[in-house]
Protein backbone atom coordinates (compact mmCIF):
# COMPACT_ATOMS: atom_id res chain seq x y z
CA MET A 1 -2.54 -15.82 29.69
CA LYS A 2 0.02 -12.55 29.42
CA LYS A 3 2.62 -14.90 28.43
CA HIS A 4 0.55 -16.52 25.52
CA SER A 5 -0.34 -12.98 24.24
CA VAL A 6 3.16 -11.61 24.53
CA SER A 7 4.35 -14.90 22.27
CA LYS A 8 1.71 -14.04 19.93
CA GLY A 9 2.72 -10.48 19.31
CA LEU A 10 6.13 -11.58 18.86
CA THR A 11 4.95 -13.75 15.77
CA ILE A 12 3.78 -10.93 14.58
CA ILE A 13 6.79 -9.21 14.92
CA PHE A 14 8.70 -11.70 13.39
CA TYR A 15 6.93 -11.84 10.40
CA LEU A 16 7.35 -8.27 10.21
CA PHE A 17 11.09 -8.49 10.56
CA VAL A 18 11.40 -11.20 7.70
CA TYR A 19 8.91 -9.01 5.46
CA GLN A 20 11.46 -6.49 5.93
CA LEU A 21 14.56 -8.58 5.64
CA CYS A 22 12.76 -9.85 2.53
CA THR A 23 12.52 -6.34 0.33
CA ILE A 24 16.17 -5.75 1.04
CA PRO A 25 17.20 -7.57 -2.25
CA PHE A 26 14.92 -5.64 -4.56
CA ILE A 27 16.58 -2.32 -3.06
CA VAL A 28 19.92 -3.68 -3.58
CA GLY A 29 18.75 -4.26 -7.29
CA MET A 30 18.32 -0.90 -7.82
CA ALA A 31 21.39 -0.08 -6.96
CA ILE A 32 23.03 -2.47 -9.98
CA SER A 33 23.56 -0.60 -13.35
CA ASN A 34 24.42 -3.97 -15.15
CA HIS A 35 21.19 -5.66 -16.70
CA ILE A 36 22.15 -9.24 -16.56
CA GLY A 37 23.17 -8.49 -12.91
CA TYR A 38 20.13 -6.60 -12.04
CA LEU A 39 17.81 -9.49 -13.62
CA ILE A 40 19.16 -11.95 -12.07
CA ILE A 41 19.03 -10.34 -8.30
CA THR A 42 15.58 -9.83 -9.13
CA ALA A 43 14.82 -13.06 -10.01
CA ILE A 44 16.32 -14.27 -7.04
CA SER A 45 14.56 -11.09 -4.68
CA LEU A 46 11.18 -12.75 -6.30
CA VAL A 47 12.04 -16.24 -4.95
CA ILE A 48 12.88 -15.31 -1.90
CA PHE A 49 9.63 -12.87 -1.45
CA GLY A 50 7.56 -15.63 -3.26
CA PHE A 51 8.93 -18.42 -0.95
CA PHE A 52 8.19 -15.38 2.52
CA LEU A 53 4.55 -15.64 1.22
CA TYR A 54 4.00 -18.89 0.42
CA SER A 55 5.12 -19.96 4.44
CA LEU A 56 2.94 -16.86 5.58
CA TRP A 57 -0.05 -17.98 4.18
CA LYS A 58 0.40 -21.50 5.44
CA TYR A 59 0.96 -20.38 8.87
CA PHE A 60 -1.73 -18.07 7.68
CA LYS A 61 -4.55 -20.71 6.77
CA LYS A 62 -3.26 -23.33 9.06
CA ASP A 63 -6.11 -24.49 11.63
CA PHE A 64 -7.82 -20.96 11.23
CA SER A 65 -11.49 -20.03 10.01
CA PHE A 66 -12.39 -16.82 10.57
CA LYS A 67 -15.84 -16.38 12.14
CA VAL A 68 -17.60 -13.38 11.31
CA ASN A 69 -21.25 -12.27 9.97
CA VAL A 70 -20.19 -12.31 6.00
CA THR A 71 -22.73 -9.86 4.33
CA LYS A 72 -25.11 -10.94 1.34
CA LYS A 73 -24.43 -7.63 -0.24
CA ILE A 74 -20.72 -8.40 -1.81
CA PRO A 75 -20.62 -6.12 -4.94
CA LEU A 76 -22.63 -3.35 -3.23
CA GLU A 77 -20.36 -3.12 -0.24
CA LEU A 78 -17.25 -3.51 -2.22
CA ALA A 79 -17.92 -0.58 -4.54
CA ILE A 80 -18.17 1.40 -1.06
CA PHE A 81 -15.00 0.13 0.01
CA ILE A 82 -13.07 0.89 -3.25
CA VAL A 83 -14.86 4.66 -3.16
CA ALA A 84 -13.48 4.66 0.75
CA ILE A 85 -10.00 4.09 -0.53
CA ILE A 86 -10.07 6.55 -3.24
CA VAL A 87 -11.57 9.23 -1.00
CA ILE A 88 -9.15 8.28 1.63
CA GLY A 89 -6.12 8.11 -1.12
CA TYR A 90 -7.28 12.15 -2.23
CA ALA A 91 -7.66 12.96 1.46
CA SER A 92 -4.10 12.32 2.22
CA GLU A 93 -2.58 14.62 -0.38
CA PHE A 94 -3.63 17.47 2.56
CA PHE A 95 -1.54 15.79 5.07
CA PRO A 96 1.97 16.08 5.34
CA GLU A 97 4.58 13.53 3.64
CA SER A 98 5.54 10.55 5.72
CA GLY A 99 8.87 8.90 5.62
CA ASN A 100 7.66 6.04 3.95
CA GLN A 101 5.96 7.75 1.01
CA LYS A 102 9.03 9.81 0.59
CA MET A 103 10.84 5.99 0.03
CA VAL A 104 8.49 4.93 -1.70
CA LEU A 105 8.72 7.78 -4.26
CA ASP A 106 12.60 7.90 -4.30
CA GLN A 107 11.95 3.93 -5.39
CA LEU A 108 9.85 4.75 -8.34
CA HIS A 109 11.91 7.13 -9.55
CA ASN A 110 15.13 5.25 -9.57
CA ASN A 111 13.66 2.17 -10.35
CA THR A 112 10.08 1.79 -11.35
CA ILE A 113 9.89 -2.09 -11.77
CA ASN A 114 11.34 -2.78 -8.80
CA ALA A 115 8.88 -0.06 -6.68
CA VAL A 116 6.07 -1.28 -8.28
CA LEU A 117 6.54 -5.23 -7.54
CA THR A 118 7.16 -4.43 -3.82
CA SER A 119 4.89 -1.51 -3.22
CA VAL A 120 1.90 -2.43 -5.80
CA PHE A 121 1.82 -6.46 -5.84
CA LEU A 122 3.89 -8.05 -3.10
CA GLY A 123 3.61 -5.63 -0.19
CA PRO A 124 -0.32 -5.41 -0.14
CA ILE A 125 -0.32 -9.84 -0.13
CA ALA A 126 2.22 -9.56 3.05
CA GLU A 127 1.08 -6.89 5.02
CA GLU A 128 -3.04 -8.16 4.54
CA LEU A 129 -1.88 -11.01 5.52
CA ILE A 130 0.38 -9.84 8.60
CA PHE A 131 -1.99 -7.31 10.07
CA ARG A 132 -5.32 -8.44 8.81
CA GLY A 133 -5.00 -12.16 8.78
CA LEU A 134 -2.38 -12.94 11.92
CA ILE A 135 -3.81 -10.33 14.05
CA ALA A 136 -7.39 -11.82 13.60
CA LYS A 137 -5.78 -15.50 13.77
CA LEU A 138 -3.91 -14.50 16.78
CA PHE A 139 -6.22 -12.53 19.18
CA PHE A 140 -9.63 -11.86 17.29
CA PRO A 141 -10.47 -15.36 15.41
CA LYS A 142 -14.40 -15.00 16.42
CA ILE A 143 -16.01 -11.61 15.36
CA THR A 144 -19.80 -11.98 15.86
CA ASP A 145 -20.19 -8.65 17.86
CA TYR A 146 -19.65 -4.87 17.65
CA LYS A 147 -17.51 -4.80 20.57
CA THR A 148 -15.11 -7.43 19.20
CA ALA A 149 -15.29 -5.85 15.93
CA PHE A 150 -14.19 -2.42 17.25
CA TRP A 151 -11.39 -3.67 19.47
CA TYR A 152 -10.14 -5.78 16.14
CA ILE A 153 -10.17 -2.79 13.83
CA LEU A 154 -8.26 -0.18 16.14
CA VAL A 155 -6.01 -2.83 17.19
CA SER A 156 -5.24 -3.69 13.31
CA SER A 157 -5.54 0.14 12.47
CA LEU A 158 -3.13 1.46 14.86
CA ALA A 159 -0.76 -1.19 14.07
CA PHE A 160 -0.71 -0.91 10.23
CA GLY A 161 -0.37 2.85 10.90
CA PHE A 162 2.60 2.83 13.32
CA ALA A 163 4.57 0.44 10.95
CA HIS A 164 4.36 2.75 8.21
CA VAL A 165 4.70 6.26 10.50
CA THR A 166 7.04 5.28 13.95
CA SER A 167 6.13 9.13 15.32
CA LEU A 168 2.82 10.08 16.34
CA SER A 169 1.76 13.00 13.95
CA LEU A 170 -0.65 13.72 11.06
CA THR A 171 1.41 11.92 8.99
CA ILE A 172 -0.28 8.78 10.88
CA ILE A 173 -3.74 9.39 9.95
CA PRO A 174 -4.40 8.45 6.08
CA TYR A 175 -2.75 5.23 7.19
CA ILE A 176 -5.32 4.40 10.34
CA LEU A 177 -7.63 5.57 7.95
CA MET A 178 -6.52 2.92 5.56
CA GLY A 179 -6.27 0.41 8.13
CA VAL A 180 -10.06 0.79 9.26
CA VAL A 181 -11.13 0.36 5.71
CA LEU A 182 -8.94 -2.65 5.46
CA SER A 183 -9.75 -4.31 8.81
CA LEU A 184 -13.88 -3.46 8.44
CA ALA A 185 -13.16 -5.19 4.92
CA TYR A 186 -12.22 -8.15 6.60
CA VAL A 187 -14.57 -8.19 8.91
CA ARG A 188 -17.55 -7.33 6.22
CA PHE A 189 -16.33 -10.15 3.59
CA GLY A 190 -14.80 -13.01 5.95
CA ASN A 191 -12.22 -13.40 3.00
CA ILE A 192 -8.50 -11.62 3.44
CA ARG A 193 -8.79 -11.47 -0.28
CA TYR A 194 -10.90 -8.75 -0.93
CA SER A 195 -8.80 -6.66 1.61
CA ILE A 196 -5.70 -7.61 -0.63
CA PHE A 197 -7.71 -6.50 -3.60
CA LEU A 198 -8.50 -3.07 -1.92
CA HIS A 199 -4.79 -2.52 -0.71
CA PHE A 200 -3.09 -3.72 -4.35
CA LEU A 201 -5.90 -1.16 -5.54
CA ASN A 202 -5.02 1.49 -3.39
CA ASN A 203 -1.15 1.42 -4.07
CA LEU A 204 -2.05 0.89 -7.87
CA ILE A 205 -3.99 3.95 -7.81
CA ALA A 206 -1.14 6.12 -6.13
CA THR A 207 1.95 4.72 -8.40
CA ILE A 208 0.29 5.17 -11.50
CA LEU A 209 -0.71 8.90 -10.35
CA VAL A 210 3.00 9.53 -9.58
CA ILE A 211 4.40 7.69 -12.50
CA LEU A 212 2.07 10.09 -15.04
């Protein structure tokens, strides 16, 4: 049983590692001043990342149906979740800036297009499939009681937080809180697309505020 759990954990680590590798071509593209060379590298980067997302989605969806008590008040609860991510985004201003935030800000200033592609569009899909989807698929495929939901949200949120902030400091709190909202959204809606949308919206708002 323990060996089986280790194998599942390694699967998540593998996809996280590949996810990080897929962002490297975008970073390389930022350093290219030649417009044609930049466009070629960016196009190749999109193809590589697209193939990764396709493979990740296929693995996530294969033989998996998330068993949860889905809410019937989707519009109302979705509105509540949107307000929650806005509040957390605002509250994060009161916490120290993390290394991840600094890196994203640098990328936005150096190459806005690549930064937007990775942090607003591609990143949320990959991270939700890994931190919400795979953790549910491999460890919590059936959540029909509060105890299981609690452990799923805790594990998913902590994994999400420590993936963005490697040290135990106040900088991790906003990421954990965001992880709680996104995990809870997956539990309430039973559809990973809602978590992806909320993650996308959070990153979009943050990016717009930085650009403006």
